[in-house]
């Protein structure tokens, strides 16, 4: 049985104010260390079949400039993506305001070492945020 509380507690969270394309914004940064090689963690975030196992089915043109859609969830555009490089996507849920998300791994020379996955989600500040 998976210990959900322990799983949640392994995630480091950090919130801050940060500029986005639209001006001032808010950021939430989530970090978690996985006991797996960098390439394996990267594959779990970028391979549509593996991504579907933990995040839900994804469809679309999964390359720079392409559009994606997660089943029953958000979709958006992929302005940046490369092999073991940060992935940046726009993130739109329904008719909501577009936000930005970035997935990155620190560079690693040791393919057998544990790796820290970082996911940052940025949203423009709205009048209700003040």
N, C-alpha and C. Protein backbone atom coordinates (compact mmCIF):
# COMPACT_ATOMS: atom_id res chain seq x y z
N UNK A 1 0.84 -1.18 0.00
CA UNK A 1 0.00 0.00 0.00
C UNK A 1 0.89 1.25 0.00
N UNK A 2 0.54 2.23 -0.80
CA UNK A 2 1.30 3.47 -0.89
C UNK A 2 0.94 4.38 0.29
N UNK A 3 1.96 4.89 0.96
CA UNK A 3 1.78 5.82 2.06
C UNK A 3 1.63 7.22 1.47
N UNK A 4 0.40 7.67 1.26
CA UNK A 4 0.11 8.94 0.61
C UNK A 4 0.71 10.12 1.39
N UNK A 5 0.59 10.12 2.69
CA UNK A 5 1.12 11.23 3.50
C UNK A 5 2.63 11.33 3.30
N UNK A 6 3.33 10.21 3.33
CA UNK A 6 4.77 10.24 3.12
C UNK A 6 5.10 10.73 1.72
N UNK A 7 4.33 10.30 0.72
CA UNK A 7 4.55 10.75 -0.65
C UNK A 7 4.41 12.28 -0.75
N UNK A 8 3.37 12.82 -0.15
CA UNK A 8 3.13 14.27 -0.18
C UNK A 8 4.23 15.01 0.57
N UNK A 9 4.67 14.48 1.69
CA UNK A 9 5.69 15.15 2.50
C UNK A 9 7.07 15.15 1.85
N UNK A 10 7.30 14.33 0.84
CA UNK A 10 8.59 14.32 0.15
C UNK A 10 8.72 15.45 -0.86
N UNK A 11 7.65 16.19 -1.09
CA UNK A 11 7.66 17.28 -2.06
C UNK A 11 7.96 18.60 -1.35
N UNK A 12 9.01 19.29 -1.80
CA UNK A 12 9.33 20.62 -1.28
C UNK A 12 8.50 21.63 -2.06
N UNK A 13 7.94 22.60 -1.36
CA UNK A 13 7.10 23.62 -2.00
C UNK A 13 7.64 25.00 -1.68
N UNK A 14 7.58 25.88 -2.68
CA UNK A 14 8.05 27.25 -2.49
C UNK A 14 7.15 28.17 -3.31
N UNK A 15 6.60 29.19 -2.68
CA UNK A 15 5.77 30.16 -3.39
C UNK A 15 6.48 31.51 -3.39
N UNK A 16 6.31 32.26 -4.50
CA UNK A 16 6.95 33.56 -4.60
C UNK A 16 6.24 34.42 -5.63
N UNK A 17 6.57 35.70 -5.63
CA UNK A 17 6.14 36.60 -6.68
C UNK A 17 7.20 36.54 -7.78
N UNK A 18 6.77 36.52 -9.01
CA UNK A 18 7.72 36.43 -10.12
C UNK A 18 7.07 37.00 -11.37
N UNK A 19 7.85 37.68 -12.18
CA UNK A 19 7.34 38.24 -13.44
C UNK A 19 7.01 37.13 -14.42
N UNK A 20 5.92 37.31 -15.15
CA UNK A 20 5.53 36.43 -16.24
C UNK A 20 5.37 37.29 -17.48
N UNK A 21 5.07 36.67 -18.61
CA UNK A 21 4.93 37.42 -19.87
C UNK A 21 3.93 38.57 -19.73
N UNK A 22 2.84 38.34 -19.00
CA UNK A 22 1.79 39.34 -18.86
C UNK A 22 2.11 40.40 -17.80
N UNK A 23 3.24 40.32 -17.11
CA UNK A 23 3.59 41.30 -16.08
C UNK A 23 3.91 40.60 -14.77
N UNK A 24 3.38 41.15 -13.68
CA UNK A 24 3.60 40.54 -12.36
C UNK A 24 2.83 39.24 -12.25
N UNK A 25 3.40 38.32 -11.48
CA UNK A 25 2.72 37.03 -11.32
C UNK A 25 3.10 36.34 -10.04
N UNK A 26 2.54 35.18 -9.87
CA UNK A 26 2.81 34.33 -8.72
C UNK A 26 3.39 33.01 -9.22
N UNK A 27 4.22 32.41 -8.38
CA UNK A 27 4.89 31.17 -8.76
C UNK A 27 4.78 30.15 -7.63
N UNK A 28 4.56 28.91 -8.01
CA UNK A 28 4.69 27.81 -7.07
C UNK A 28 5.72 26.85 -7.67
N UNK A 29 6.73 26.53 -6.88
CA UNK A 29 7.80 25.64 -7.31
C UNK A 29 7.73 24.38 -6.47
N UNK A 30 7.63 23.25 -7.13
CA UNK A 30 7.59 21.96 -6.46
C UNK A 30 8.84 21.18 -6.82
N UNK A 31 9.51 20.61 -5.82
CA UNK A 31 10.71 19.80 -6.06
C UNK A 31 10.56 18.47 -5.34
N UNK A 32 11.02 17.43 -6.02
CA UNK A 32 11.03 16.10 -5.41
C UNK A 32 12.22 15.33 -5.93
N UNK A 33 12.89 14.62 -5.03
CA UNK A 33 14.03 13.79 -5.40
C UNK A 33 13.54 12.37 -5.66
N UNK A 34 13.95 11.84 -6.80
CA UNK A 34 13.62 10.47 -7.18
C UNK A 34 14.90 9.64 -7.19
N UNK A 35 14.83 8.45 -6.67
CA UNK A 35 15.97 7.53 -6.67
C UNK A 35 15.97 6.78 -8.00
N UNK A 36 16.31 7.51 -9.04
CA UNK A 36 16.29 6.96 -10.40
C UNK A 36 17.25 7.77 -11.26
N UNK A 37 17.72 7.19 -12.34
CA UNK A 37 18.59 7.94 -13.26
C UNK A 37 17.84 9.11 -13.90
N UNK A 38 18.59 10.14 -14.23
CA UNK A 38 18.02 11.34 -14.85
C UNK A 38 17.19 10.98 -16.08
N UNK A 39 17.73 10.14 -16.95
CA UNK A 39 17.04 9.79 -18.19
C UNK A 39 15.70 9.11 -17.93
N UNK A 40 15.62 8.31 -16.85
CA UNK A 40 14.38 7.62 -16.52
C UNK A 40 13.31 8.60 -16.04
N UNK A 41 13.71 9.54 -15.18
CA UNK A 41 12.75 10.55 -14.70
C UNK A 41 12.30 11.43 -15.86
N UNK A 42 13.24 11.81 -16.72
CA UNK A 42 12.89 12.64 -17.87
C UNK A 42 11.90 11.92 -18.77
N UNK A 43 12.13 10.64 -19.00
CA UNK A 43 11.23 9.84 -19.84
C UNK A 43 9.83 9.78 -19.25
N UNK A 44 9.72 9.69 -17.92
CA UNK A 44 8.41 9.65 -17.27
C UNK A 44 7.64 10.95 -17.47
N UNK A 45 8.36 12.05 -17.73
CA UNK A 45 7.72 13.36 -17.94
C UNK A 45 7.47 13.66 -19.41
N UNK A 46 8.16 12.98 -20.31
CA UNK A 46 8.08 13.35 -21.73
C UNK A 46 7.54 12.27 -22.65
N UNK A 47 7.60 11.02 -22.27
CA UNK A 47 7.09 9.94 -23.10
C UNK A 47 5.57 9.86 -22.90
N UNK A 48 4.77 10.04 -23.95
CA UNK A 48 3.32 10.08 -23.79
C UNK A 48 2.73 8.86 -23.07
N UNK A 49 3.27 7.68 -23.35
CA UNK A 49 2.75 6.47 -22.70
C UNK A 49 3.03 6.48 -21.20
N UNK A 50 4.26 6.83 -20.83
CA UNK A 50 4.62 6.88 -19.40
C UNK A 50 3.93 8.03 -18.69
N UNK A 51 3.83 9.17 -19.33
CA UNK A 51 3.14 10.32 -18.74
C UNK A 51 1.69 9.96 -18.45
N UNK A 52 1.08 9.23 -19.35
CA UNK A 52 -0.31 8.82 -19.18
C UNK A 52 -0.55 7.94 -17.97
N UNK A 53 0.47 7.24 -17.52
CA UNK A 53 0.31 6.35 -16.36
C UNK A 53 0.14 7.11 -15.06
N UNK A 54 0.74 8.30 -14.95
CA UNK A 54 0.66 9.03 -13.68
C UNK A 54 -0.05 10.37 -13.80
N UNK A 55 -0.15 10.94 -14.99
CA UNK A 55 -0.77 12.26 -15.15
C UNK A 55 -2.07 12.19 -15.92
N UNK A 56 -2.24 11.13 -16.70
CA UNK A 56 -3.43 10.98 -17.52
C UNK A 56 -3.05 11.03 -18.99
N UNK A 57 -3.91 10.47 -19.83
CA UNK A 57 -3.62 10.42 -21.26
C UNK A 57 -3.38 11.82 -21.83
N UNK A 58 -2.38 11.92 -22.72
CA UNK A 58 -2.05 13.18 -23.37
C UNK A 58 -2.10 12.96 -24.88
N UNK A 59 -2.64 13.95 -25.57
CA UNK A 59 -2.73 13.89 -27.03
C UNK A 59 -2.18 15.19 -27.60
N UNK A 60 -1.81 15.15 -28.88
CA UNK A 60 -1.41 16.36 -29.56
C UNK A 60 -0.08 16.21 -30.26
N UNK A 61 0.43 17.34 -30.69
CA UNK A 61 1.70 17.44 -31.39
C UNK A 61 2.76 17.78 -30.34
N UNK A 62 3.40 16.75 -29.79
CA UNK A 62 4.26 16.92 -28.61
C UNK A 62 5.68 17.28 -29.00
N UNK A 63 5.83 18.46 -29.60
CA UNK A 63 7.14 19.01 -29.96
C UNK A 63 7.04 20.53 -29.91
N UNK A 64 8.18 21.20 -30.02
CA UNK A 64 8.19 22.66 -29.94
C UNK A 64 7.21 23.24 -30.96
N UNK A 65 6.36 24.13 -30.49
CA UNK A 65 5.35 24.77 -31.33
C UNK A 65 4.05 23.99 -31.39
N UNK A 66 4.05 22.77 -30.90
CA UNK A 66 2.85 21.93 -30.94
C UNK A 66 1.89 22.25 -29.81
N UNK A 67 0.69 21.69 -29.93
CA UNK A 67 -0.35 21.84 -28.92
C UNK A 67 -0.57 20.48 -28.26
N UNK A 68 -0.91 20.49 -26.96
CA UNK A 68 -1.19 19.25 -26.25
C UNK A 68 -2.50 19.38 -25.49
N UNK A 69 -3.08 18.24 -25.14
CA UNK A 69 -4.28 18.22 -24.31
C UNK A 69 -4.22 17.00 -23.41
N UNK A 70 -4.31 17.23 -22.10
CA UNK A 70 -4.42 16.14 -21.14
C UNK A 70 -5.90 15.80 -21.01
N UNK A 71 -6.25 14.53 -21.05
CA UNK A 71 -7.65 14.12 -20.97
C UNK A 71 -8.30 14.66 -19.70
N UNK A 72 -9.44 15.31 -19.88
CA UNK A 72 -10.21 15.87 -18.77
C UNK A 72 -9.41 16.84 -17.90
N UNK A 73 -8.46 17.54 -18.51
CA UNK A 73 -7.62 18.46 -17.75
C UNK A 73 -7.19 19.60 -18.66
N UNK A 74 -6.04 20.17 -18.37
CA UNK A 74 -5.54 21.33 -19.10
C UNK A 74 -4.87 20.93 -20.41
N UNK A 75 -4.67 21.93 -21.23
CA UNK A 75 -3.94 21.79 -22.48
C UNK A 75 -3.18 23.07 -22.73
N UNK A 76 -2.46 23.12 -23.84
CA UNK A 76 -1.73 24.33 -24.15
C UNK A 76 -0.75 24.13 -25.28
N UNK A 77 0.19 25.05 -25.35
CA UNK A 77 1.22 25.05 -26.40
C UNK A 77 2.57 24.71 -25.77
N UNK A 78 3.48 24.19 -26.58
CA UNK A 78 4.82 23.82 -26.11
C UNK A 78 5.84 24.77 -26.75
N UNK A 79 6.18 25.89 -26.08
CA UNK A 79 7.15 26.82 -26.67
C UNK A 79 8.61 26.37 -26.52
N UNK A 80 8.89 25.45 -25.55
CA UNK A 80 10.28 25.02 -25.39
C UNK A 80 10.30 23.57 -24.92
N UNK A 81 11.14 22.77 -25.56
CA UNK A 81 11.32 21.37 -25.17
C UNK A 81 12.54 20.83 -25.88
N UNK A 82 13.35 20.08 -25.18
CA UNK A 82 14.52 19.46 -25.78
C UNK A 82 14.99 18.32 -24.92
N UNK A 83 15.86 17.51 -25.43
CA UNK A 83 16.38 16.36 -24.71
C UNK A 83 17.07 16.81 -23.42
N UNK A 84 16.54 16.38 -22.29
CA UNK A 84 17.05 16.70 -20.96
C UNK A 84 17.22 18.21 -20.74
N UNK A 85 16.36 19.00 -21.36
CA UNK A 85 16.35 20.45 -21.20
C UNK A 85 15.01 20.83 -20.58
N UNK A 86 14.92 22.01 -20.01
CA UNK A 86 13.62 22.40 -19.46
C UNK A 86 12.52 22.37 -20.52
N UNK A 87 11.38 21.90 -20.11
CA UNK A 87 10.18 21.93 -20.94
C UNK A 87 9.35 23.10 -20.43
N UNK A 88 8.89 23.93 -21.33
CA UNK A 88 8.00 25.03 -20.94
C UNK A 88 6.73 24.88 -21.75
N UNK A 89 5.59 24.97 -21.07
CA UNK A 89 4.30 24.87 -21.74
C UNK A 89 3.38 25.97 -21.22
N UNK A 90 2.43 26.36 -22.07
CA UNK A 90 1.34 27.17 -21.56
C UNK A 90 0.34 26.17 -20.98
N UNK A 91 -0.43 26.61 -20.01
CA UNK A 91 -1.32 25.71 -19.28
C UNK A 91 -2.67 26.39 -19.17
N UNK A 92 -3.66 25.86 -19.87
CA UNK A 92 -4.99 26.45 -19.87
C UNK A 92 -6.00 25.38 -19.51
N UNK A 93 -6.80 25.65 -18.48
CA UNK A 93 -7.85 24.72 -18.08
C UNK A 93 -9.19 25.31 -18.47
N UNK A 94 -9.86 24.67 -19.42
CA UNK A 94 -11.16 25.16 -19.89
C UNK A 94 -11.04 26.56 -20.46
N UNK A 95 -11.89 27.45 -19.99
CA UNK A 95 -11.89 28.84 -20.45
C UNK A 95 -11.04 29.73 -19.54
N UNK A 96 -10.24 29.12 -18.67
CA UNK A 96 -9.45 29.87 -17.71
C UNK A 96 -8.31 30.65 -18.33
N UNK A 97 -7.68 31.43 -17.48
CA UNK A 97 -6.55 32.26 -17.87
C UNK A 97 -5.34 31.39 -18.17
N UNK A 98 -4.64 31.67 -19.29
CA UNK A 98 -3.41 30.90 -19.57
C UNK A 98 -2.35 31.16 -18.50
N UNK A 99 -1.71 30.10 -18.07
CA UNK A 99 -0.58 30.19 -17.15
C UNK A 99 0.60 29.50 -17.82
N UNK A 100 1.73 29.45 -17.13
CA UNK A 100 2.93 28.83 -17.68
C UNK A 100 3.42 27.77 -16.71
N UNK A 101 3.94 26.68 -17.25
CA UNK A 101 4.54 25.63 -16.42
C UNK A 101 5.88 25.24 -17.03
N UNK A 102 6.84 24.95 -16.16
CA UNK A 102 8.15 24.53 -16.62
C UNK A 102 8.57 23.31 -15.82
N UNK A 103 9.08 22.30 -16.51
CA UNK A 103 9.60 21.08 -15.90
C UNK A 103 11.09 21.04 -16.18
N UNK A 104 11.89 20.84 -15.13
CA UNK A 104 13.33 20.80 -15.36
C UNK A 104 14.01 19.83 -14.40
N UNK A 105 15.15 19.35 -14.86
CA UNK A 105 16.03 18.50 -14.08
C UNK A 105 17.39 19.16 -14.05
N UNK A 106 18.09 19.10 -12.92
CA UNK A 106 19.43 19.67 -12.90
C UNK A 106 20.36 18.81 -13.76
N UNK A 107 21.39 19.41 -14.35
CA UNK A 107 22.34 18.61 -15.11
C UNK A 107 23.00 17.56 -14.21
N UNK A 108 23.21 16.39 -14.75
CA UNK A 108 23.82 15.32 -13.97
C UNK A 108 24.79 14.53 -14.83
N UNK A 109 26.00 14.35 -14.31
CA UNK A 109 26.98 13.52 -15.00
C UNK A 109 26.86 12.06 -14.58
N UNK A 110 26.22 11.82 -13.44
CA UNK A 110 26.11 10.47 -12.91
C UNK A 110 24.71 9.93 -13.21
N UNK A 111 24.58 9.06 -14.20
CA UNK A 111 23.26 8.59 -14.62
C UNK A 111 22.61 7.66 -13.60
N UNK A 112 23.35 7.20 -12.61
CA UNK A 112 22.78 6.30 -11.61
C UNK A 112 22.35 7.03 -10.34
N UNK A 113 22.63 8.31 -10.24
CA UNK A 113 22.34 9.07 -9.02
C UNK A 113 20.86 9.42 -8.93
N UNK A 114 20.44 9.74 -7.71
CA UNK A 114 19.10 10.26 -7.52
C UNK A 114 19.02 11.63 -8.19
N UNK A 115 17.82 12.01 -8.62
CA UNK A 115 17.66 13.26 -9.35
C UNK A 115 16.50 14.07 -8.76
N UNK A 116 16.68 15.39 -8.75
CA UNK A 116 15.65 16.28 -8.23
C UNK A 116 14.85 16.86 -9.39
N UNK A 117 13.60 16.51 -9.47
CA UNK A 117 12.69 17.04 -10.49
C UNK A 117 12.07 18.32 -9.95
N UNK A 118 12.05 19.38 -10.75
CA UNK A 118 11.44 20.64 -10.35
C UNK A 118 10.34 21.00 -11.34
N UNK A 119 9.18 21.35 -10.82
CA UNK A 119 8.06 21.80 -11.64
C UNK A 119 7.67 23.17 -11.10
N UNK A 120 7.70 24.18 -11.97
CA UNK A 120 7.33 25.53 -11.58
C UNK A 120 6.11 25.94 -12.38
N UNK A 121 5.09 26.44 -11.68
CA UNK A 121 3.87 26.90 -12.32
C UNK A 121 3.73 28.39 -12.03
N UNK A 122 3.62 29.20 -13.10
CA UNK A 122 3.53 30.65 -12.98
C UNK A 122 2.18 31.13 -13.47
N UNK A 123 1.58 32.04 -12.76
CA UNK A 123 0.30 32.60 -13.16
C UNK A 123 0.34 34.12 -13.04
N UNK A 124 -0.26 34.82 -14.02
CA UNK A 124 -0.33 36.28 -13.91
C UNK A 124 -1.12 36.68 -12.67
N UNK A 125 -0.73 37.78 -12.08
CA UNK A 125 -1.46 38.29 -10.92
C UNK A 125 -2.78 38.87 -11.40
N UNK A 126 -3.84 38.58 -10.68
CA UNK A 126 -5.16 39.16 -10.98
C UNK A 126 -5.51 40.13 -9.87
N UNK A 127 -6.52 40.92 -10.09
CA UNK A 127 -6.90 41.91 -9.08
C UNK A 127 -7.29 41.24 -7.77
N UNK A 128 -7.76 40.00 -7.80
CA UNK A 128 -8.13 39.29 -6.59
C UNK A 128 -6.94 38.78 -5.81
N UNK A 129 -5.73 38.81 -6.40
CA UNK A 129 -4.52 38.33 -5.74
C UNK A 129 -3.96 39.33 -4.74
N UNK A 130 -4.34 40.57 -4.83
CA UNK A 130 -3.72 41.62 -4.00
C UNK A 130 -4.26 41.66 -2.62
